[in-house]
Each structure stands twice: as structure tokens, then as C-alpha cells.
Amino acid sequence: MNARVVALVSLFTALGIAVRLTKHALVGTLQFLNAPLLAAMVAGYTAGPLAGMLTGILSFALSDLLLGLGPWTVVDSLLAGAIGGAWGLLRAKHRATLIFVLAFISEFMYDVLSSYFLLLMFVRDPVTALIYSLLGLYLPVMGGYMIGVGPLTEAVTAGLTAALISRVDRLGIRG
């Protein structure tokens, strides 16, 4: 890993943490944006798989140090790292529409899998955990309180990811 990639990982990790903490300071736990995953996807796209993976892991783990550690820290960090790493495979420039669709799907997968793995701690039946994970994106289940939180978070995160990647492409920033 060269100095440019280390700098980009540091920058995107700081971005993910700062945006997440700012969101929490302004609106609390209201979910509408996944800043660490956004940072991981952009880092992967910009600087490669290792950068995306490190940004995903570090931005969730370090921000959770301030917001509260728990079993979700491991699950969220590893999933964001895996998705950020996968985004490192998108090395060519792509249209904003494709980036939006891929980011939406990535966020959807993250939401379902993170809920699924965490629900398995409470609901021992894997099928029931999967059903709750999918329903929880649209309806309040298992202690949730928002309707349609999944599509909202996925759309906002995907839109910001597409906008940021479009800007990165215009500036020619690559690791």
C-alpha cells in the first residue's frame, strides 16, 4: 500500500466517522444515511479493494468507540469492510445511474445481512430471522419504530455515493 492509498483511507475513514457523528449530534439515532458504508464504497471505488475494506472496518469501529460498542460493531464493521472491498473491483469509470443502482443494492444487502446476523442472537430460527430482517426494512419489527426506513436509507446513501463518486471521477482522484 503506497502513501497515496494510506492518505485516501485516512481521508475516507475520517469522512465516514465525521458524517456519522454529525448525524447523531443533529438527529440522534434517526436512521436515513449510512455514512461509514458510503465512505467505504467511495474508498473502494477510488483506491481499490484494500482501501474500501479498511475504510469500512475502521469507520464503523472507530465511530462506535464514541457512540457505543456492542456486538453490532463487529457485524457492521465486517460487512462494511466486505462491501467496501467489493467496490474496489469497480476500477473503471461508470455512469452515475449505474453507481446509484449498485450502491442501492449494496446498502440493501448490508441492511438485510446486518439485521439478520444480529437477530440470530435473539431469534434462533434462521428463517424467522431472515423474515424479520426483510420486514424490518419496511415495517417496525423487533423494537423498531420507523416505517420505510430501509428504502429511505438505501436511497439517500446511494444518491450521496453516486454524487461523491461522480465528483471524484471529475477530479481524477485515484489511489
N, C-alpha and C. Protein backbone atom coordinates (compact mmCIF):
# COMPACT_ATOMS: atom_id res chain seq x y z
N MET A 1 0.86 -1.17 0.00
CA MET A 1 0.00 0.00 0.00
C MET A 1 0.91 1.24 0.00
N ASN A 2 0.69 2.12 -0.96
CA ASN A 2 1.53 3.31 -1.06
C ASN A 2 0.96 4.47 -0.23
N ALA A 3 1.71 5.54 -0.13
CA ALA A 3 1.33 6.68 0.71
C ALA A 3 0.02 7.31 0.25
N ARG A 4 -0.24 7.32 -1.05
CA ARG A 4 -1.48 7.90 -1.58
C ARG A 4 -2.70 7.10 -1.09
N VAL A 5 -2.59 5.79 -1.11
CA VAL A 5 -3.69 4.94 -0.65
C VAL A 5 -3.90 5.11 0.85
N VAL A 6 -2.81 5.17 1.62
CA VAL A 6 -2.92 5.39 3.07
C VAL A 6 -3.62 6.72 3.34
N ALA A 7 -3.25 7.75 2.58
CA ALA A 7 -3.90 9.06 2.75
C ALA A 7 -5.38 9.00 2.41
N LEU A 8 -5.74 8.28 1.33
CA LEU A 8 -7.14 8.17 0.95
C LEU A 8 -7.94 7.37 1.97
N VAL A 9 -7.36 6.30 2.50
CA VAL A 9 -8.04 5.52 3.56
C VAL A 9 -8.28 6.42 4.77
N SER A 10 -7.27 7.18 5.15
CA SER A 10 -7.41 8.09 6.29
C SER A 10 -8.48 9.13 6.04
N LEU A 11 -8.48 9.71 4.85
CA LEU A 11 -9.46 10.73 4.49
C LEU A 11 -10.88 10.17 4.50
N PHE A 12 -11.08 9.04 3.84
CA PHE A 12 -12.43 8.48 3.76
C PHE A 12 -12.91 7.92 5.11
N THR A 13 -11.98 7.38 5.91
CA THR A 13 -12.36 6.92 7.24
C THR A 13 -12.80 8.12 8.09
N ALA A 14 -12.04 9.19 8.04
CA ALA A 14 -12.41 10.40 8.77
C ALA A 14 -13.74 10.96 8.29
N LEU A 15 -13.98 10.91 6.98
CA LEU A 15 -15.26 11.37 6.43
C LEU A 15 -16.42 10.55 6.97
N GLY A 16 -16.28 9.21 6.93
CA GLY A 16 -17.34 8.33 7.43
C GLY A 16 -17.63 8.58 8.90
N ILE A 17 -16.59 8.74 9.70
CA ILE A 17 -16.76 8.99 11.14
C ILE A 17 -17.39 10.36 11.38
N ALA A 18 -16.86 11.38 10.73
CA ALA A 18 -17.36 12.75 10.96
C ALA A 18 -18.82 12.90 10.55
N VAL A 19 -19.19 12.35 9.41
CA VAL A 19 -20.58 12.46 8.97
C VAL A 19 -21.50 11.66 9.90
N ARG A 20 -21.06 10.49 10.32
CA ARG A 20 -21.89 9.68 11.23
C ARG A 20 -22.08 10.39 12.57
N LEU A 21 -21.01 10.93 13.12
CA LEU A 21 -21.11 11.63 14.40
C LEU A 21 -21.94 12.91 14.29
N THR A 22 -21.79 13.62 13.18
CA THR A 22 -22.59 14.83 12.96
C THR A 22 -24.06 14.49 12.86
N LYS A 23 -24.38 13.43 12.12
CA LYS A 23 -25.78 12.99 12.01
C LYS A 23 -26.34 12.66 13.38
N HIS A 24 -25.57 11.94 14.18
CA HIS A 24 -26.03 11.58 15.52
C HIS A 24 -26.20 12.81 16.40
N ALA A 25 -25.32 13.78 16.27
CA ALA A 25 -25.42 15.01 17.08
C ALA A 25 -26.65 15.82 16.69
N LEU A 26 -27.00 15.81 15.40
CA LEU A 26 -28.12 16.63 14.92
C LEU A 26 -29.48 15.95 15.08
N VAL A 27 -29.56 14.65 14.78
CA VAL A 27 -30.87 13.98 14.77
C VAL A 27 -30.91 12.71 15.60
N GLY A 28 -29.86 12.43 16.34
CA GLY A 28 -29.84 11.23 17.19
C GLY A 28 -29.77 9.96 16.39
N THR A 29 -30.51 8.96 16.81
CA THR A 29 -30.43 7.65 16.18
C THR A 29 -31.34 7.49 14.96
N LEU A 30 -32.00 8.56 14.56
CA LEU A 30 -32.84 8.51 13.37
C LEU A 30 -32.01 8.03 12.19
N GLN A 31 -32.45 6.94 11.57
CA GLN A 31 -31.67 6.32 10.50
C GLN A 31 -32.16 6.81 9.14
N PHE A 32 -31.26 7.41 8.37
CA PHE A 32 -31.57 7.79 7.00
C PHE A 32 -30.32 7.83 6.13
N LEU A 33 -29.15 7.59 6.73
CA LEU A 33 -27.89 7.63 5.99
C LEU A 33 -26.92 6.67 6.66
N ASN A 34 -26.20 5.90 5.86
CA ASN A 34 -25.15 5.02 6.37
C ASN A 34 -23.81 5.61 5.92
N ALA A 35 -23.30 6.55 6.71
CA ALA A 35 -22.07 7.28 6.35
C ALA A 35 -20.84 6.37 6.26
N PRO A 36 -20.63 5.44 7.21
CA PRO A 36 -19.45 4.58 7.07
C PRO A 36 -19.48 3.71 5.81
N LEU A 37 -20.66 3.21 5.45
CA LEU A 37 -20.74 2.40 4.24
C LEU A 37 -20.53 3.27 3.00
N LEU A 38 -21.09 4.46 2.99
CA LEU A 38 -20.86 5.39 1.90
C LEU A 38 -19.36 5.63 1.72
N ALA A 39 -18.66 5.91 2.82
CA ALA A 39 -17.22 6.17 2.77
C ALA A 39 -16.46 4.94 2.27
N ALA A 40 -16.89 3.76 2.71
CA ALA A 40 -16.22 2.52 2.29
C ALA A 40 -16.40 2.26 0.79
N MET A 41 -17.60 2.50 0.28
CA MET A 41 -17.84 2.28 -1.15
C MET A 41 -17.03 3.26 -1.99
N VAL A 42 -17.00 4.52 -1.59
CA VAL A 42 -16.23 5.51 -2.35
C VAL A 42 -14.74 5.21 -2.24
N ALA A 43 -14.27 4.83 -1.07
CA ALA A 43 -12.85 4.49 -0.90
C ALA A 43 -12.47 3.29 -1.76
N GLY A 44 -13.32 2.27 -1.78
CA GLY A 44 -13.04 1.10 -2.61
C GLY A 44 -12.98 1.47 -4.08
N TYR A 45 -13.96 2.22 -4.53
CA TYR A 45 -14.02 2.66 -5.93
C TYR A 45 -12.81 3.52 -6.29
N THR A 46 -12.40 4.37 -5.37
CA THR A 46 -11.33 5.33 -5.63
C THR A 46 -9.94 4.73 -5.49
N ALA A 47 -9.73 3.92 -4.44
CA ALA A 47 -8.37 3.49 -4.11
C ALA A 47 -8.17 1.98 -4.10
N GLY A 48 -9.20 1.20 -4.42
CA GLY A 48 -9.04 -0.24 -4.51
C GLY A 48 -9.63 -1.03 -3.36
N PRO A 49 -9.64 -2.36 -3.50
CA PRO A 49 -10.28 -3.23 -2.51
C PRO A 49 -9.76 -3.08 -1.08
N LEU A 50 -8.46 -3.01 -0.91
CA LEU A 50 -7.90 -2.89 0.45
C LEU A 50 -8.35 -1.59 1.11
N ALA A 51 -8.35 -0.50 0.34
CA ALA A 51 -8.79 0.79 0.88
C ALA A 51 -10.26 0.75 1.28
N GLY A 52 -11.10 0.15 0.44
CA GLY A 52 -12.52 0.04 0.76
C GLY A 52 -12.76 -0.80 2.00
N MET A 53 -12.03 -1.93 2.09
CA MET A 53 -12.19 -2.81 3.24
C MET A 53 -11.74 -2.10 4.52
N LEU A 54 -10.58 -1.49 4.50
CA LEU A 54 -10.07 -0.80 5.70
C LEU A 54 -10.97 0.35 6.11
N THR A 55 -11.45 1.12 5.15
CA THR A 55 -12.33 2.24 5.46
C THR A 55 -13.63 1.76 6.09
N GLY A 56 -14.21 0.70 5.55
CA GLY A 56 -15.45 0.16 6.12
C GLY A 56 -15.26 -0.32 7.55
N ILE A 57 -14.21 -1.07 7.78
CA ILE A 57 -13.94 -1.60 9.12
C ILE A 57 -13.64 -0.47 10.10
N LEU A 58 -12.71 0.40 9.72
CA LEU A 58 -12.27 1.45 10.64
C LEU A 58 -13.34 2.49 10.92
N SER A 59 -14.10 2.90 9.91
CA SER A 59 -15.08 3.96 10.14
C SER A 59 -16.19 3.51 11.08
N PHE A 60 -16.63 2.25 10.96
CA PHE A 60 -17.64 1.76 11.90
C PHE A 60 -17.04 1.53 13.29
N ALA A 61 -15.90 0.85 13.35
CA ALA A 61 -15.31 0.52 14.66
C ALA A 61 -14.93 1.77 15.44
N LEU A 62 -14.31 2.73 14.78
CA LEU A 62 -13.87 3.93 15.49
C LEU A 62 -15.03 4.84 15.89
N SER A 63 -16.04 4.95 15.04
CA SER A 63 -17.20 5.77 15.44
C SER A 63 -18.00 5.08 16.54
N ASP A 64 -18.03 3.75 16.54
CA ASP A 64 -18.70 3.04 17.63
C ASP A 64 -17.97 3.21 18.96
N LEU A 65 -16.67 3.46 18.92
CA LEU A 65 -15.95 3.76 20.16
C LEU A 65 -16.55 4.97 20.86
N LEU A 66 -17.05 5.92 20.07
CA LEU A 66 -17.66 7.13 20.64
C LEU A 66 -19.15 6.99 20.86
N LEU A 67 -19.83 6.19 20.03
CA LEU A 67 -21.28 6.06 20.12
C LEU A 67 -21.73 4.88 20.98
N GLY A 68 -20.86 3.92 21.16
CA GLY A 68 -21.20 2.75 21.95
C GLY A 68 -20.86 1.47 21.22
N LEU A 69 -19.97 0.70 21.82
CA LEU A 69 -19.57 -0.58 21.25
C LEU A 69 -20.59 -1.66 21.61
N GLY A 70 -20.68 -2.66 20.80
CA GLY A 70 -21.56 -3.80 21.06
C GLY A 70 -21.34 -4.86 20.01
N PRO A 71 -22.13 -5.91 20.04
CA PRO A 71 -21.98 -6.96 19.03
C PRO A 71 -22.20 -6.43 17.62
N TRP A 72 -22.98 -5.38 17.49
CA TRP A 72 -23.23 -4.78 16.18
C TRP A 72 -21.95 -4.20 15.59
N THR A 73 -21.00 -3.81 16.45
CA THR A 73 -19.75 -3.23 15.95
C THR A 73 -19.02 -4.22 15.06
N VAL A 74 -18.91 -5.45 15.50
CA VAL A 74 -18.22 -6.48 14.73
C VAL A 74 -18.97 -6.75 13.43
N VAL A 75 -20.27 -6.95 13.53
CA VAL A 75 -21.08 -7.26 12.35
C VAL A 75 -21.04 -6.11 11.35
N ASP A 76 -21.32 -4.90 11.81
CA ASP A 76 -21.36 -3.74 10.91
C ASP A 76 -20.00 -3.47 10.28
N SER A 77 -18.94 -3.55 11.08
CA SER A 77 -17.60 -3.28 10.57
C SER A 77 -17.19 -4.28 9.49
N LEU A 78 -17.42 -5.56 9.76
CA LEU A 78 -17.02 -6.59 8.80
C LEU A 78 -17.85 -6.52 7.51
N LEU A 79 -19.15 -6.27 7.64
CA LEU A 79 -19.98 -6.15 6.43
C LEU A 79 -19.58 -4.93 5.60
N ALA A 80 -19.37 -3.80 6.27
CA ALA A 80 -18.96 -2.59 5.54
C ALA A 80 -17.59 -2.81 4.89
N GLY A 81 -16.71 -3.51 5.59
CA GLY A 81 -15.40 -3.82 5.01
C GLY A 81 -15.52 -4.71 3.78
N ALA A 82 -16.37 -5.72 3.86
CA ALA A 82 -16.55 -6.62 2.71
C ALA A 82 -17.15 -5.88 1.52
N ILE A 83 -18.14 -5.05 1.77
CA ILE A 83 -18.78 -4.31 0.67
C ILE A 83 -17.81 -3.27 0.12
N GLY A 84 -17.10 -2.56 0.99
CA GLY A 84 -16.11 -1.59 0.51
C GLY A 84 -15.03 -2.26 -0.32
N GLY A 85 -14.60 -3.45 0.11
CA GLY A 85 -13.61 -4.19 -0.67
C GLY A 85 -14.14 -4.58 -2.03
N ALA A 86 -15.40 -5.01 -2.08
CA ALA A 86 -16.01 -5.38 -3.36
C ALA A 86 -16.09 -4.18 -4.30
N TRP A 87 -16.32 -3.00 -3.74
CA TRP A 87 -16.37 -1.80 -4.58
C TRP A 87 -15.01 -1.49 -5.20
N GLY A 88 -13.95 -2.05 -4.65
CA GLY A 88 -12.64 -1.87 -5.24
C GLY A 88 -12.49 -2.55 -6.58
N LEU A 89 -13.43 -3.43 -6.92
CA LEU A 89 -13.41 -4.10 -8.21
C LEU A 89 -13.98 -3.22 -9.33
N LEU A 90 -14.62 -2.11 -8.95
CA LEU A 90 -15.19 -1.18 -9.94
C LEU A 90 -14.16 -0.11 -10.28
N ARG A 91 -13.10 -0.49 -10.93
CA ARG A 91 -11.99 0.44 -11.16
C ARG A 91 -12.21 1.36 -12.36
N ALA A 92 -13.06 0.99 -13.31
CA ALA A 92 -13.31 1.86 -14.45
C ALA A 92 -14.38 2.89 -14.09
N LYS A 93 -14.40 3.98 -14.82
CA LYS A 93 -15.44 4.99 -14.59
C LYS A 93 -16.78 4.43 -15.04
N HIS A 94 -17.82 4.74 -14.27
CA HIS A 94 -19.16 4.25 -14.59
C HIS A 94 -20.14 5.42 -14.53
N ARG A 95 -21.24 5.27 -15.22
CA ARG A 95 -22.29 6.29 -15.18
C ARG A 95 -22.87 6.40 -13.78
N ALA A 96 -23.32 7.60 -13.44
CA ALA A 96 -23.89 7.85 -12.12
C ALA A 96 -25.11 6.97 -11.85
N THR A 97 -25.88 6.66 -12.89
CA THR A 97 -27.06 5.81 -12.71
C THR A 97 -26.66 4.41 -12.27
N LEU A 98 -25.64 3.85 -12.90
CA LEU A 98 -25.17 2.53 -12.51
C LEU A 98 -24.59 2.55 -11.09
N ILE A 99 -23.84 3.58 -10.76
CA ILE A 99 -23.28 3.72 -9.42
C ILE A 99 -24.42 3.78 -8.40
N PHE A 100 -25.46 4.55 -8.69
CA PHE A 100 -26.61 4.65 -7.77
C PHE A 100 -27.23 3.27 -7.56
N VAL A 101 -27.49 2.54 -8.65
CA VAL A 101 -28.13 1.22 -8.55
C VAL A 101 -27.25 0.26 -7.75
N LEU A 102 -25.95 0.24 -8.03
CA LEU A 102 -25.04 -0.65 -7.30
C LEU A 102 -24.94 -0.27 -5.83
N ALA A 103 -24.93 1.03 -5.55
CA ALA A 103 -24.88 1.49 -4.15
C ALA A 103 -26.18 1.14 -3.43
N PHE A 104 -27.31 1.28 -4.11
CA PHE A 104 -28.60 0.92 -3.52
C PHE A 104 -28.62 -0.57 -3.16
N ILE A 105 -28.18 -1.40 -4.10
CA ILE A 105 -28.14 -2.85 -3.86
C ILE A 105 -27.17 -3.18 -2.73
N SER A 106 -26.02 -2.52 -2.72
CA SER A 106 -25.04 -2.75 -1.66
C SER A 106 -25.60 -2.39 -0.29
N GLU A 107 -26.27 -1.26 -0.21
CA GLU A 107 -26.87 -0.83 1.06
C GLU A 107 -27.99 -1.78 1.47
N PHE A 108 -28.79 -2.22 0.50
CA PHE A 108 -29.85 -3.19 0.78
C PHE A 108 -29.26 -4.48 1.36
N MET A 109 -28.21 -4.98 0.71
CA MET A 109 -27.56 -6.20 1.20
C MET A 109 -27.00 -5.98 2.61
N TYR A 110 -26.37 -4.85 2.82
CA TYR A 110 -25.83 -4.53 4.14
C TYR A 110 -26.96 -4.52 5.18
N ASP A 111 -28.06 -3.84 4.88
CA ASP A 111 -29.18 -3.74 5.83
C ASP A 111 -29.75 -5.11 6.19
N VAL A 112 -29.98 -5.93 5.18
CA VAL A 112 -30.56 -7.25 5.43
C VAL A 112 -29.58 -8.13 6.21
N LEU A 113 -28.33 -8.17 5.77
CA LEU A 113 -27.35 -9.05 6.42
C LEU A 113 -27.01 -8.60 7.84
N SER A 114 -26.89 -7.30 8.05
CA SER A 114 -26.57 -6.84 9.41
C SER A 114 -27.72 -7.15 10.36
N SER A 115 -28.94 -6.92 9.91
CA SER A 115 -30.10 -7.27 10.74
C SER A 115 -30.16 -8.78 10.97
N TYR A 116 -29.93 -9.54 9.93
CA TYR A 116 -30.01 -11.00 10.03
C TYR A 116 -29.02 -11.54 11.05
N PHE A 117 -27.75 -11.15 10.93
CA PHE A 117 -26.73 -11.68 11.85
C PHE A 117 -27.00 -11.25 13.30
N LEU A 118 -27.48 -10.04 13.48
CA LEU A 118 -27.77 -9.58 14.84
C LEU A 118 -29.04 -10.25 15.39
N LEU A 119 -30.04 -10.45 14.55
CA LEU A 119 -31.26 -11.11 15.00
C LEU A 119 -31.04 -12.57 15.36
N LEU A 120 -30.05 -13.20 14.74
CA LEU A 120 -29.75 -14.59 15.08
C LEU A 120 -29.35 -14.75 16.55
N MET A 121 -28.91 -13.67 17.19
CA MET A 121 -28.58 -13.73 18.61
C MET A 121 -29.83 -13.84 19.48
N PHE A 122 -30.96 -13.36 18.95
CA PHE A 122 -32.20 -13.33 19.71
C PHE A 122 -33.24 -14.32 19.20
N VAL A 123 -33.27 -14.52 17.90
CA VAL A 123 -34.21 -15.43 17.26
C VAL A 123 -33.40 -16.59 16.71
N ARG A 124 -33.54 -17.74 17.29
CA ARG A 124 -32.68 -18.88 16.93
C ARG A 124 -33.01 -19.50 15.58
N ASP A 125 -34.20 -19.27 15.07
CA ASP A 125 -34.60 -19.84 13.79
C ASP A 125 -34.10 -18.95 12.65
N PRO A 126 -33.22 -19.45 11.77
CA PRO A 126 -32.67 -18.62 10.69
C PRO A 126 -33.72 -18.07 9.73
N VAL A 127 -34.76 -18.83 9.46
CA VAL A 127 -35.80 -18.37 8.53
C VAL A 127 -36.58 -17.21 9.16
N THR A 128 -36.91 -17.33 10.43
CA THR A 128 -37.61 -16.25 11.12
C THR A 128 -36.74 -15.00 11.18
N ALA A 129 -35.45 -15.17 11.43
CA ALA A 129 -34.53 -14.03 11.46
C ALA A 129 -34.47 -13.35 10.10
N LEU A 130 -34.47 -14.13 9.03
CA LEU A 130 -34.45 -13.56 7.68
C LEU A 130 -35.74 -12.79 7.39
N ILE A 131 -36.87 -13.36 7.77
CA ILE A 131 -38.17 -12.69 7.56
C ILE A 131 -38.20 -11.37 8.32
N TYR A 132 -37.79 -11.38 9.58
CA TYR A 132 -37.73 -10.13 10.36
C TYR A 132 -36.77 -9.13 9.73
N SER A 133 -35.65 -9.60 9.21
CA SER A 133 -34.66 -8.71 8.58
C SER A 133 -35.25 -8.01 7.36
N LEU A 134 -36.00 -8.75 6.56
CA LEU A 134 -36.62 -8.16 5.37
C LEU A 134 -37.79 -7.25 5.74
N LEU A 135 -38.65 -7.72 6.64
CA LEU A 135 -39.79 -6.89 7.06
C LEU A 135 -39.35 -5.61 7.76
N GLY A 136 -38.26 -5.70 8.51
CA GLY A 136 -37.77 -4.56 9.26
C GLY A 136 -37.32 -3.40 8.40
N LEU A 137 -37.08 -3.65 7.13
CA LEU A 137 -36.74 -2.56 6.22
C LEU A 137 -37.95 -1.68 5.92
N TYR A 138 -39.15 -2.24 6.07
CA TYR A 138 -40.36 -1.53 5.68
C TYR A 138 -41.31 -1.25 6.84
N LEU A 139 -41.28 -2.13 7.84
CA LEU A 139 -42.21 -2.00 8.97
C LEU A 139 -41.44 -2.08 10.28
N PRO A 140 -41.95 -1.45 11.33
CA PRO A 140 -41.26 -1.56 12.62
C PRO A 140 -41.46 -2.95 13.23
N VAL A 141 -40.39 -3.72 13.33
CA VAL A 141 -40.42 -5.04 13.97
C VAL A 141 -39.31 -5.12 15.00
N MET A 142 -39.44 -6.00 15.95
CA MET A 142 -38.41 -6.26 16.95
C MET A 142 -37.90 -4.98 17.61
N GLY A 143 -38.80 -4.07 17.96
CA GLY A 143 -38.41 -2.85 18.64
C GLY A 143 -38.16 -1.66 17.74
N GLY A 144 -38.31 -1.83 16.42
CA GLY A 144 -38.13 -0.70 15.50
C GLY A 144 -39.28 0.28 15.63
N TYR A 145 -39.09 1.47 15.08
CA TYR A 145 -40.13 2.48 15.21
C TYR A 145 -40.41 3.25 13.92
N MET A 146 -39.64 2.98 12.86
CA MET A 146 -39.84 3.72 11.61
C MET A 146 -40.46 2.84 10.53
N ILE A 147 -41.30 3.46 9.71
CA ILE A 147 -41.87 2.79 8.56
C ILE A 147 -41.06 3.20 7.34
N GLY A 148 -40.62 2.24 6.54
CA GLY A 148 -39.89 2.52 5.32
C GLY A 148 -38.46 2.99 5.52
N VAL A 149 -37.87 2.66 6.67
CA VAL A 149 -36.51 3.12 6.95
C VAL A 149 -35.50 2.52 5.97
N GLY A 150 -35.72 1.31 5.52
CA GLY A 150 -34.79 0.67 4.60
C GLY A 150 -34.66 1.41 3.28
N PRO A 151 -35.76 1.58 2.54
CA PRO A 151 -35.67 2.28 1.26
C PRO A 151 -35.16 3.73 1.40
N LEU A 152 -35.53 4.39 2.49
CA LEU A 152 -35.05 5.75 2.73
C LEU A 152 -33.53 5.78 2.88
N THR A 153 -33.01 4.92 3.74
CA THR A 153 -31.56 4.86 3.98
C THR A 153 -30.83 4.43 2.71
N GLU A 154 -31.38 3.46 2.02
CA GLU A 154 -30.74 2.97 0.80
C GLU A 154 -30.70 4.05 -0.28
N ALA A 155 -31.78 4.78 -0.45
CA ALA A 155 -31.84 5.83 -1.48
C ALA A 155 -30.92 7.00 -1.15
N VAL A 156 -30.93 7.46 0.10
CA VAL A 156 -30.08 8.59 0.48
C VAL A 156 -28.61 8.21 0.37
N THR A 157 -28.25 7.05 0.90
CA THR A 157 -26.86 6.61 0.84
C THR A 157 -26.41 6.40 -0.60
N ALA A 158 -27.25 5.79 -1.42
CA ALA A 158 -26.91 5.55 -2.83
C ALA A 158 -26.78 6.86 -3.59
N GLY A 159 -27.68 7.80 -3.34
CA GLY A 159 -27.62 9.09 -4.02
C GLY A 159 -26.35 9.86 -3.68
N LEU A 160 -26.00 9.89 -2.40
CA LEU A 160 -24.78 10.58 -1.99
C LEU A 160 -23.53 9.86 -2.50
N THR A 161 -23.56 8.54 -2.54
CA THR A 161 -22.44 7.77 -3.07
C THR A 161 -22.23 8.10 -4.55
N ALA A 162 -23.31 8.10 -5.32
CA ALA A 162 -23.21 8.42 -6.75
C ALA A 162 -22.70 9.84 -6.96
N ALA A 163 -23.19 10.78 -6.17
CA ALA A 163 -22.75 12.17 -6.31
C ALA A 163 -21.27 12.33 -5.96
N LEU A 164 -20.84 11.69 -4.88
CA LEU A 164 -19.45 11.79 -4.46
C LEU A 164 -18.51 11.11 -5.45
N ILE A 165 -18.90 9.94 -5.94
CA ILE A 165 -18.07 9.25 -6.94
C ILE A 165 -18.00 10.04 -8.24
N SER A 166 -19.09 10.67 -8.63
CA SER A 166 -19.08 11.50 -9.82
C SER A 166 -18.08 12.65 -9.65
N ARG A 167 -18.06 13.23 -8.48
CA ARG A 167 -17.11 14.32 -8.20
C ARG A 167 -15.66 13.80 -8.18
N VAL A 168 -15.46 12.65 -7.56
CA VAL A 168 -14.12 12.05 -7.52
C VAL A 168 -13.63 11.76 -8.94
N ASP A 169 -14.52 11.25 -9.80
CA ASP A 169 -14.15 10.97 -11.19
C ASP A 169 -13.78 12.26 -11.93
N ARG A 170 -14.57 13.32 -11.71
CA ARG A 170 -14.26 14.59 -12.37
C ARG A 170 -12.92 15.16 -11.91
N LEU A 171 -12.59 14.97 -10.65
CA LEU A 171 -11.32 15.48 -10.11
C LEU A 171 -10.13 14.58 -10.46
N GLY A 172 -10.41 13.36 -10.91
CA GLY A 172 -9.34 12.44 -11.28
C GLY A 172 -8.60 11.87 -10.08
N ILE A 173 -9.29 11.73 -8.96
CA ILE A 173 -8.66 11.19 -7.74
C ILE A 173 -8.69 9.68 -7.81
N ARG A 174 -7.55 9.07 -7.86
CA ARG A 174 -7.44 7.60 -7.85
C ARG A 174 -6.22 7.21 -7.05
N GLY A 175 -6.34 6.11 -6.30
CA GLY A 175 -5.23 5.63 -5.49
C GLY A 175 -4.36 4.67 -6.25
